[in-house]
Amino acid sequence: TKFNLLDLVREVSEEFKNNRVIIDKNISFKISQEKPNGHFPYVFGAKNRMEQVLANLIDNAASFSPDNSLINISIHSAKEKITLVVKDEGPGFKETNTERIFKRFYSNRPEKFGEHSGLGLNIVKNLIELHGGTINASNNLNKKGAKMEIKFPKA
């Protein structure tokens, strides 16, 4: 179906405000949208799968974020593409080739993160690609933290 990505971001981030990690670390969210020339963030797809993508990205960002930090989620709507960016203030990626983080069963988390499958970002990438999109991971240029950038075709 056709849905508004900004509305979905707001819904998922609102649900995360009750998440134990978010509460314990006092993490807040900043959600912003740029819509030049009246372009709105509508995409086609399975809304529940995009909810899964957002939940995974927010969960990862929260896991790596220090106390009293910010998760910044922005959407840029252009004529043909919609770009979704999730930034955290954690340590960023140690990998020089960030494509590795999307491999099945790959994990570079410290031991204190406990049990995890190493499948989350692989699932995220597969779902995004099934929706005709792309995902890239990088470190923030100005300060610490990771940046996940997703580009979707516009509905």
N, C-alpha and C. Protein backbone atom coordinates (compact mmCIF):
# COMPACT_ATOMS: atom_id res chain seq x y z
N THR A 1 0.84 -1.19 0.00
CA THR A 1 0.00 0.00 0.00
C THR A 1 0.88 1.25 0.00
N LYS A 2 0.25 2.37 -0.29
CA LYS A 2 0.94 3.65 -0.24
C LYS A 2 0.79 4.19 1.18
N PHE A 3 1.91 4.58 1.80
CA PHE A 3 1.83 5.13 3.15
C PHE A 3 2.85 6.25 3.32
N ASN A 4 2.59 7.06 4.35
CA ASN A 4 3.45 8.20 4.66
C ASN A 4 4.57 7.72 5.59
N LEU A 5 5.81 7.78 5.12
CA LEU A 5 6.95 7.31 5.89
C LEU A 5 7.17 8.14 7.16
N LEU A 6 6.91 9.43 7.08
CA LEU A 6 7.07 10.29 8.26
C LEU A 6 6.10 9.88 9.37
N ASP A 7 4.86 9.60 9.00
CA ASP A 7 3.88 9.14 9.99
C ASP A 7 4.33 7.85 10.65
N LEU A 8 4.88 6.94 9.84
CA LEU A 8 5.36 5.66 10.39
C LEU A 8 6.55 5.88 11.33
N VAL A 9 7.46 6.77 10.97
CA VAL A 9 8.60 7.08 11.85
C VAL A 9 8.10 7.61 13.19
N ARG A 10 7.13 8.50 13.13
CA ARG A 10 6.57 9.06 14.37
C ARG A 10 5.92 7.97 15.22
N GLU A 11 5.16 7.07 14.59
CA GLU A 11 4.49 5.98 15.33
C GLU A 11 5.50 5.06 16.01
N VAL A 12 6.50 4.63 15.26
CA VAL A 12 7.49 3.70 15.80
C VAL A 12 8.32 4.35 16.89
N SER A 13 8.75 5.59 16.69
CA SER A 13 9.55 6.25 17.72
C SER A 13 8.72 6.51 18.97
N GLU A 14 7.44 6.78 18.81
CA GLU A 14 6.56 6.97 19.97
C GLU A 14 6.46 5.68 20.78
N GLU A 15 6.34 4.55 20.10
CA GLU A 15 6.31 3.25 20.78
C GLU A 15 7.61 2.99 21.54
N PHE A 16 8.73 3.42 20.98
CA PHE A 16 10.03 3.18 21.61
C PHE A 16 10.24 4.03 22.85
N LYS A 17 9.46 5.07 23.03
CA LYS A 17 9.63 5.90 24.23
C LYS A 17 9.34 5.12 25.50
N ASN A 18 8.66 3.99 25.39
CA ASN A 18 8.40 3.13 26.55
C ASN A 18 9.38 1.96 26.65
N ASN A 19 10.36 1.93 25.74
CA ASN A 19 11.37 0.87 25.73
C ASN A 19 12.31 1.04 26.92
N ARG A 20 12.63 -0.06 27.58
CA ARG A 20 13.47 -0.02 28.79
C ARG A 20 14.83 0.63 28.55
N VAL A 21 15.47 0.32 27.42
CA VAL A 21 16.79 0.90 27.11
C VAL A 21 16.67 2.42 26.93
N ILE A 22 15.64 2.84 26.22
CA ILE A 22 15.43 4.28 25.98
C ILE A 22 15.21 5.01 27.30
N ILE A 23 14.40 4.42 28.16
CA ILE A 23 14.10 5.04 29.47
C ILE A 23 15.34 5.05 30.36
N ASP A 24 16.01 3.89 30.49
CA ASP A 24 17.17 3.79 31.38
C ASP A 24 18.31 4.71 30.95
N LYS A 25 18.49 4.87 29.66
CA LYS A 25 19.59 5.72 29.16
C LYS A 25 19.16 7.17 28.94
N ASN A 26 17.88 7.47 29.15
CA ASN A 26 17.36 8.82 28.93
C ASN A 26 17.67 9.31 27.50
N ILE A 27 17.34 8.47 26.54
CA ILE A 27 17.57 8.81 25.13
C ILE A 27 16.34 9.52 24.59
N SER A 28 16.58 10.57 23.83
CA SER A 28 15.46 11.28 23.21
C SER A 28 15.57 11.18 21.68
N PHE A 29 14.48 11.56 21.02
CA PHE A 29 14.40 11.50 19.57
C PHE A 29 14.22 12.89 19.00
N LYS A 30 14.84 13.13 17.85
CA LYS A 30 14.57 14.33 17.07
C LYS A 30 14.16 13.84 15.69
N ILE A 31 12.95 14.20 15.28
CA ILE A 31 12.43 13.78 13.98
C ILE A 31 12.24 15.04 13.14
N SER A 32 12.81 15.01 11.94
CA SER A 32 12.68 16.18 11.07
C SER A 32 12.40 15.74 9.64
N GLN A 33 11.81 16.65 8.89
CA GLN A 33 11.49 16.38 7.49
C GLN A 33 11.77 17.60 6.65
N GLU A 34 12.40 17.36 5.51
CA GLU A 34 12.55 18.39 4.50
C GLU A 34 11.66 17.98 3.34
N LYS A 35 10.80 18.87 2.91
CA LYS A 35 9.94 18.54 1.76
C LYS A 35 9.96 19.68 0.76
N PRO A 36 11.01 19.75 -0.03
CA PRO A 36 11.09 20.83 -1.01
C PRO A 36 10.00 20.72 -2.07
N ASN A 37 9.50 21.85 -2.46
CA ASN A 37 8.50 21.93 -3.53
C ASN A 37 7.27 21.05 -3.29
N GLY A 38 6.87 20.89 -2.05
CA GLY A 38 5.65 20.16 -1.75
C GLY A 38 5.73 18.66 -1.91
N HIS A 39 6.94 18.09 -1.98
CA HIS A 39 7.08 16.64 -2.10
C HIS A 39 6.88 16.01 -0.73
N PHE A 40 6.01 15.02 -0.65
CA PHE A 40 5.71 14.37 0.61
C PHE A 40 6.28 12.96 0.64
N PRO A 41 6.56 12.43 1.83
CA PRO A 41 7.27 11.15 1.96
C PRO A 41 6.37 9.91 1.84
N TYR A 42 5.74 9.74 0.69
CA TYR A 42 4.91 8.56 0.47
C TYR A 42 5.72 7.49 -0.25
N VAL A 43 5.64 6.27 0.26
CA VAL A 43 6.29 5.13 -0.37
C VAL A 43 5.27 4.01 -0.53
N PHE A 44 5.56 3.09 -1.46
CA PHE A 44 4.75 1.89 -1.63
C PHE A 44 5.44 0.75 -0.90
N GLY A 45 4.66 -0.08 -0.25
CA GLY A 45 5.27 -1.25 0.36
C GLY A 45 4.41 -1.85 1.44
N ALA A 46 5.02 -2.79 2.12
CA ALA A 46 4.37 -3.44 3.25
C ALA A 46 4.69 -2.61 4.50
N LYS A 47 3.70 -1.90 4.98
CA LYS A 47 3.91 -0.98 6.10
C LYS A 47 4.45 -1.71 7.32
N ASN A 48 3.96 -2.91 7.59
CA ASN A 48 4.44 -3.64 8.77
C ASN A 48 5.91 -4.05 8.62
N ARG A 49 6.37 -4.28 7.40
CA ARG A 49 7.79 -4.60 7.19
C ARG A 49 8.66 -3.37 7.37
N MET A 50 8.16 -2.22 6.95
CA MET A 50 8.91 -0.98 7.16
C MET A 50 8.94 -0.62 8.65
N GLU A 51 7.88 -0.98 9.35
CA GLU A 51 7.88 -0.81 10.81
C GLU A 51 8.98 -1.67 11.43
N GLN A 52 9.15 -2.88 10.93
CA GLN A 52 10.20 -3.78 11.40
C GLN A 52 11.59 -3.18 11.12
N VAL A 53 11.77 -2.60 9.96
CA VAL A 53 13.04 -1.95 9.60
C VAL A 53 13.34 -0.83 10.58
N LEU A 54 12.37 0.06 10.78
CA LEU A 54 12.58 1.20 11.68
C LEU A 54 12.85 0.74 13.11
N ALA A 55 12.10 -0.24 13.57
CA ALA A 55 12.29 -0.74 14.93
C ALA A 55 13.69 -1.30 15.11
N ASN A 56 14.18 -2.02 14.12
CA ASN A 56 15.53 -2.58 14.22
C ASN A 56 16.58 -1.48 14.24
N LEU A 57 16.43 -0.48 13.37
CA LEU A 57 17.41 0.61 13.32
C LEU A 57 17.40 1.43 14.61
N ILE A 58 16.21 1.69 15.14
CA ILE A 58 16.12 2.45 16.39
C ILE A 58 16.68 1.63 17.55
N ASP A 59 16.37 0.34 17.58
CA ASP A 59 16.89 -0.52 18.63
C ASP A 59 18.41 -0.57 18.60
N ASN A 60 19.00 -0.71 17.42
CA ASN A 60 20.45 -0.70 17.30
C ASN A 60 21.03 0.64 17.75
N ALA A 61 20.43 1.73 17.30
CA ALA A 61 20.92 3.05 17.68
C ALA A 61 20.87 3.23 19.19
N ALA A 62 19.79 2.80 19.81
CA ALA A 62 19.66 2.92 21.27
C ALA A 62 20.68 2.05 21.99
N SER A 63 20.92 0.85 21.48
CA SER A 63 21.87 -0.07 22.11
C SER A 63 23.27 0.53 22.19
N PHE A 64 23.67 1.27 21.16
CA PHE A 64 25.02 1.81 21.10
C PHE A 64 25.12 3.24 21.62
N SER A 65 24.00 3.86 21.92
CA SER A 65 24.01 5.25 22.37
C SER A 65 24.38 5.37 23.84
N PRO A 66 25.12 6.41 24.19
CA PRO A 66 25.42 6.65 25.61
C PRO A 66 24.21 7.27 26.31
N ASP A 67 24.28 7.35 27.62
CA ASP A 67 23.22 7.99 28.39
C ASP A 67 23.03 9.43 27.94
N ASN A 68 21.80 9.91 28.04
CA ASN A 68 21.43 11.30 27.75
C ASN A 68 21.80 11.72 26.33
N SER A 69 21.58 10.83 25.38
CA SER A 69 21.93 11.17 24.01
C SER A 69 20.68 11.29 23.14
N LEU A 70 20.91 11.53 21.88
CA LEU A 70 19.84 11.83 20.93
C LEU A 70 19.92 10.87 19.74
N ILE A 71 18.78 10.35 19.33
CA ILE A 71 18.68 9.62 18.07
C ILE A 71 17.96 10.56 17.11
N ASN A 72 18.66 10.90 16.04
CA ASN A 72 18.15 11.87 15.07
C ASN A 72 17.64 11.11 13.85
N ILE A 73 16.36 11.28 13.52
CA ILE A 73 15.77 10.63 12.36
C ILE A 73 15.26 11.72 11.43
N SER A 74 15.76 11.72 10.20
CA SER A 74 15.35 12.75 9.26
C SER A 74 14.89 12.12 7.95
N ILE A 75 13.98 12.81 7.30
CA ILE A 75 13.45 12.38 6.02
C ILE A 75 13.57 13.54 5.04
N HIS A 76 14.10 13.23 3.88
CA HIS A 76 14.20 14.22 2.80
C HIS A 76 13.38 13.70 1.63
N SER A 77 12.37 14.44 1.25
CA SER A 77 11.48 14.05 0.15
C SER A 77 11.87 14.85 -1.09
N ALA A 78 12.24 14.14 -2.12
CA ALA A 78 12.57 14.78 -3.39
C ALA A 78 11.61 14.26 -4.47
N LYS A 79 11.85 14.66 -5.69
CA LYS A 79 10.93 14.32 -6.78
C LYS A 79 10.80 12.81 -6.98
N GLU A 80 11.92 12.07 -6.96
CA GLU A 80 11.87 10.65 -7.26
C GLU A 80 12.29 9.75 -6.10
N LYS A 81 12.99 10.29 -5.12
CA LYS A 81 13.51 9.47 -4.02
C LYS A 81 13.12 10.07 -2.68
N ILE A 82 13.02 9.18 -1.71
CA ILE A 82 12.84 9.59 -0.32
C ILE A 82 14.02 9.03 0.45
N THR A 83 14.69 9.89 1.19
CA THR A 83 15.85 9.47 1.96
C THR A 83 15.51 9.52 3.44
N LEU A 84 15.75 8.42 4.11
CA LEU A 84 15.55 8.30 5.55
C LEU A 84 16.92 8.13 6.18
N VAL A 85 17.24 8.95 7.17
CA VAL A 85 18.53 8.87 7.85
C VAL A 85 18.31 8.70 9.34
N VAL A 86 18.98 7.70 9.93
CA VAL A 86 18.94 7.47 11.38
C VAL A 86 20.37 7.63 11.88
N LYS A 87 20.57 8.59 12.79
CA LYS A 87 21.90 8.86 13.36
C LYS A 87 21.85 8.67 14.87
N ASP A 88 22.91 8.10 15.42
CA ASP A 88 23.03 8.01 16.87
C ASP A 88 24.30 8.71 17.31
N GLU A 89 24.53 8.75 18.61
CA GLU A 89 25.71 9.41 19.17
C GLU A 89 26.64 8.41 19.85
N GLY A 90 26.57 7.15 19.41
CA GLY A 90 27.41 6.10 19.97
C GLY A 90 28.82 6.13 19.41
N PRO A 91 29.54 5.01 19.52
CA PRO A 91 30.94 4.96 19.08
C PRO A 91 31.13 4.90 17.57
N GLY A 92 30.06 4.65 16.82
CA GLY A 92 30.20 4.51 15.37
C GLY A 92 30.70 3.12 15.00
N PHE A 93 31.01 2.95 13.73
CA PHE A 93 31.45 1.65 13.23
C PHE A 93 32.96 1.54 13.29
N LYS A 94 33.44 0.39 13.73
CA LYS A 94 34.88 0.12 13.72
C LYS A 94 35.32 -0.38 12.35
N GLU A 95 34.39 -0.97 11.61
CA GLU A 95 34.69 -1.55 10.31
C GLU A 95 35.04 -0.47 9.30
N THR A 96 36.08 -0.73 8.52
CA THR A 96 36.39 0.20 7.43
C THR A 96 35.46 -0.08 6.25
N ASN A 97 35.04 -1.33 6.09
CA ASN A 97 34.06 -1.70 5.08
C ASN A 97 32.73 -1.96 5.78
N THR A 98 31.87 -0.96 5.83
CA THR A 98 30.62 -1.10 6.57
C THR A 98 29.63 -2.05 5.91
N GLU A 99 29.88 -2.48 4.68
CA GLU A 99 29.01 -3.47 4.04
C GLU A 99 29.00 -4.77 4.83
N ARG A 100 30.05 -5.03 5.59
CA ARG A 100 30.14 -6.27 6.39
C ARG A 100 29.02 -6.36 7.41
N ILE A 101 28.55 -5.24 7.91
CA ILE A 101 27.53 -5.29 8.97
C ILE A 101 26.20 -5.84 8.48
N PHE A 102 26.01 -5.90 7.17
CA PHE A 102 24.77 -6.41 6.60
C PHE A 102 24.83 -7.91 6.28
N LYS A 103 25.97 -8.53 6.54
CA LYS A 103 26.12 -9.97 6.29
C LYS A 103 25.38 -10.77 7.34
N ARG A 104 24.85 -11.92 6.94
CA ARG A 104 24.15 -12.80 7.88
C ARG A 104 25.10 -13.25 8.98
N PHE A 105 24.61 -13.23 10.21
CA PHE A 105 25.31 -13.69 11.41
C PHE A 105 26.52 -12.85 11.77
N TYR A 106 26.71 -11.71 11.12
CA TYR A 106 27.83 -10.85 11.46
C TYR A 106 27.48 -10.02 12.69
N SER A 107 28.42 -9.91 13.59
CA SER A 107 28.24 -9.05 14.75
C SER A 107 29.59 -8.60 15.26
N ASN A 108 29.65 -7.35 15.64
CA ASN A 108 30.87 -6.81 16.21
C ASN A 108 30.54 -6.10 17.52
N ARG A 109 29.52 -6.61 18.19
CA ARG A 109 29.10 -6.01 19.45
C ARG A 109 29.96 -6.51 20.59
N PRO A 110 30.15 -5.66 21.59
CA PRO A 110 30.88 -6.12 22.78
C PRO A 110 30.09 -7.21 23.50
N GLU A 111 30.77 -8.00 24.31
CA GLU A 111 30.13 -9.12 25.02
C GLU A 111 28.96 -8.68 25.88
N LYS A 112 29.01 -7.48 26.43
CA LYS A 112 27.96 -7.03 27.35
C LYS A 112 26.59 -6.88 26.68
N PHE A 113 26.53 -6.98 25.34
CA PHE A 113 25.25 -6.88 24.66
C PHE A 113 24.45 -8.17 24.73
N GLY A 114 25.06 -9.24 25.20
CA GLY A 114 24.32 -10.49 25.42
C GLY A 114 23.97 -11.22 24.15
N GLU A 115 22.88 -11.99 24.20
CA GLU A 115 22.46 -12.84 23.09
C GLU A 115 21.88 -12.01 21.95
N HIS A 116 22.35 -12.30 20.76
CA HIS A 116 21.78 -11.71 19.56
C HIS A 116 22.16 -12.60 18.39
N SER A 117 21.35 -12.55 17.34
CA SER A 117 21.52 -13.49 16.23
C SER A 117 22.49 -13.02 15.16
N GLY A 118 22.72 -11.71 15.07
CA GLY A 118 23.52 -11.21 13.97
C GLY A 118 22.74 -11.17 12.66
N LEU A 119 21.41 -11.23 12.75
CA LEU A 119 20.57 -11.23 11.55
C LEU A 119 19.84 -9.91 11.32
N GLY A 120 19.76 -9.05 12.33
CA GLY A 120 18.93 -7.85 12.25
C GLY A 120 19.19 -6.98 11.05
N LEU A 121 20.45 -6.56 10.84
CA LEU A 121 20.74 -5.67 9.73
C LEU A 121 20.68 -6.38 8.39
N ASN A 122 20.91 -7.68 8.37
CA ASN A 122 20.74 -8.45 7.14
C ASN A 122 19.27 -8.46 6.73
N ILE A 123 18.39 -8.66 7.70
CA ILE A 123 16.94 -8.62 7.43
C ILE A 123 16.53 -7.23 6.97
N VAL A 124 17.04 -6.21 7.65
CA VAL A 124 16.74 -4.82 7.27
C VAL A 124 17.13 -4.58 5.81
N LYS A 125 18.35 -4.95 5.45
CA LYS A 125 18.81 -4.72 4.07
C LYS A 125 17.93 -5.47 3.07
N ASN A 126 17.60 -6.72 3.37
CA ASN A 126 16.75 -7.49 2.45
C ASN A 126 15.38 -6.86 2.29
N LEU A 127 14.77 -6.41 3.38
CA LEU A 127 13.45 -5.77 3.30
C LEU A 127 13.51 -4.47 2.49
N ILE A 128 14.55 -3.70 2.70
CA ILE A 128 14.68 -2.43 1.97
C ILE A 128 14.86 -2.71 0.48
N GLU A 129 15.68 -3.69 0.15
CA GLU A 129 15.89 -4.03 -1.26
C GLU A 129 14.62 -4.57 -1.90
N LEU A 130 13.82 -5.34 -1.14
CA LEU A 130 12.54 -5.82 -1.66
C LEU A 130 11.58 -4.67 -1.97
N HIS A 131 11.79 -3.53 -1.29
CA HIS A 131 10.97 -2.35 -1.53
C HIS A 131 11.61 -1.41 -2.56
N GLY A 132 12.64 -1.90 -3.26
CA GLY A 132 13.29 -1.10 -4.31
C GLY A 132 14.26 -0.07 -3.78
N GLY A 133 14.64 -0.18 -2.51
CA GLY A 133 15.52 0.80 -1.90
C GLY A 133 16.94 0.32 -1.72
N THR A 134 17.75 1.21 -1.17
CA THR A 134 19.15 0.90 -0.85
C THR A 134 19.43 1.39 0.56
N ILE A 135 20.44 0.77 1.21
CA ILE A 135 20.85 1.21 2.55
C ILE A 135 22.36 1.30 2.58
N ASN A 136 22.85 2.34 3.24
CA ASN A 136 24.29 2.54 3.43
C ASN A 136 24.54 2.88 4.88
N ALA A 137 25.66 2.40 5.40
CA ALA A 137 26.06 2.68 6.77
C ALA A 137 27.38 3.44 6.74
N SER A 138 27.50 4.42 7.63
CA SER A 138 28.74 5.19 7.72
C SER A 138 28.84 5.79 9.12
N ASN A 139 29.97 6.40 9.39
CA ASN A 139 30.14 7.14 10.64
C ASN A 139 29.80 8.60 10.40
N ASN A 140 29.26 9.26 11.42
CA ASN A 140 28.98 10.68 11.33
C ASN A 140 30.28 11.44 11.15
N LEU A 141 30.28 12.43 10.31
CA LEU A 141 31.51 13.16 10.03
C LEU A 141 31.88 14.13 11.14
N ASN A 142 30.93 14.84 11.71
CA ASN A 142 31.23 15.89 12.68
C ASN A 142 31.51 15.36 14.07
N LYS A 143 30.84 14.31 14.46
CA LYS A 143 31.02 13.80 15.82
C LYS A 143 30.81 12.30 15.85
N LYS A 144 30.91 11.74 17.02
CA LYS A 144 30.75 10.30 17.15
C LYS A 144 29.36 9.86 16.71
N GLY A 145 29.28 8.59 16.39
CA GLY A 145 27.99 8.02 16.07
C GLY A 145 27.94 7.37 14.72
N ALA A 146 26.91 6.56 14.56
CA ALA A 146 26.67 5.85 13.30
C ALA A 146 25.55 6.53 12.54
N LYS A 147 25.59 6.34 11.24
CA LYS A 147 24.57 6.92 10.35
C LYS A 147 24.11 5.82 9.40
N MET A 148 22.80 5.60 9.37
CA MET A 148 22.19 4.66 8.44
C MET A 148 21.35 5.49 7.47
N GLU A 149 21.63 5.36 6.19
CA GLU A 149 20.92 6.14 5.18
C GLU A 149 20.21 5.19 4.22
N ILE A 150 18.89 5.37 4.11
CA ILE A 150 18.06 4.53 3.26
C ILE A 150 17.44 5.41 2.19
N LYS A 151 17.47 4.92 0.96
CA LYS A 151 16.81 5.63 -0.15
C LYS A 151 15.73 4.73 -0.72
N PHE A 152 14.52 5.28 -0.80
CA PHE A 152 13.37 4.58 -1.35
C PHE A 152 12.90 5.28 -2.62
N PRO A 153 12.33 4.51 -3.55
CA PRO A 153 11.65 5.18 -4.66
C PRO A 153 10.38 5.84 -4.12
N LYS A 154 10.06 6.98 -4.64
CA LYS A 154 8.88 7.70 -4.18
C LYS A 154 7.62 7.10 -4.79
N ALA A 155 6.56 7.05 -4.00
CA ALA A 155 5.28 6.52 -4.50
C ALA A 155 4.63 7.54 -5.40
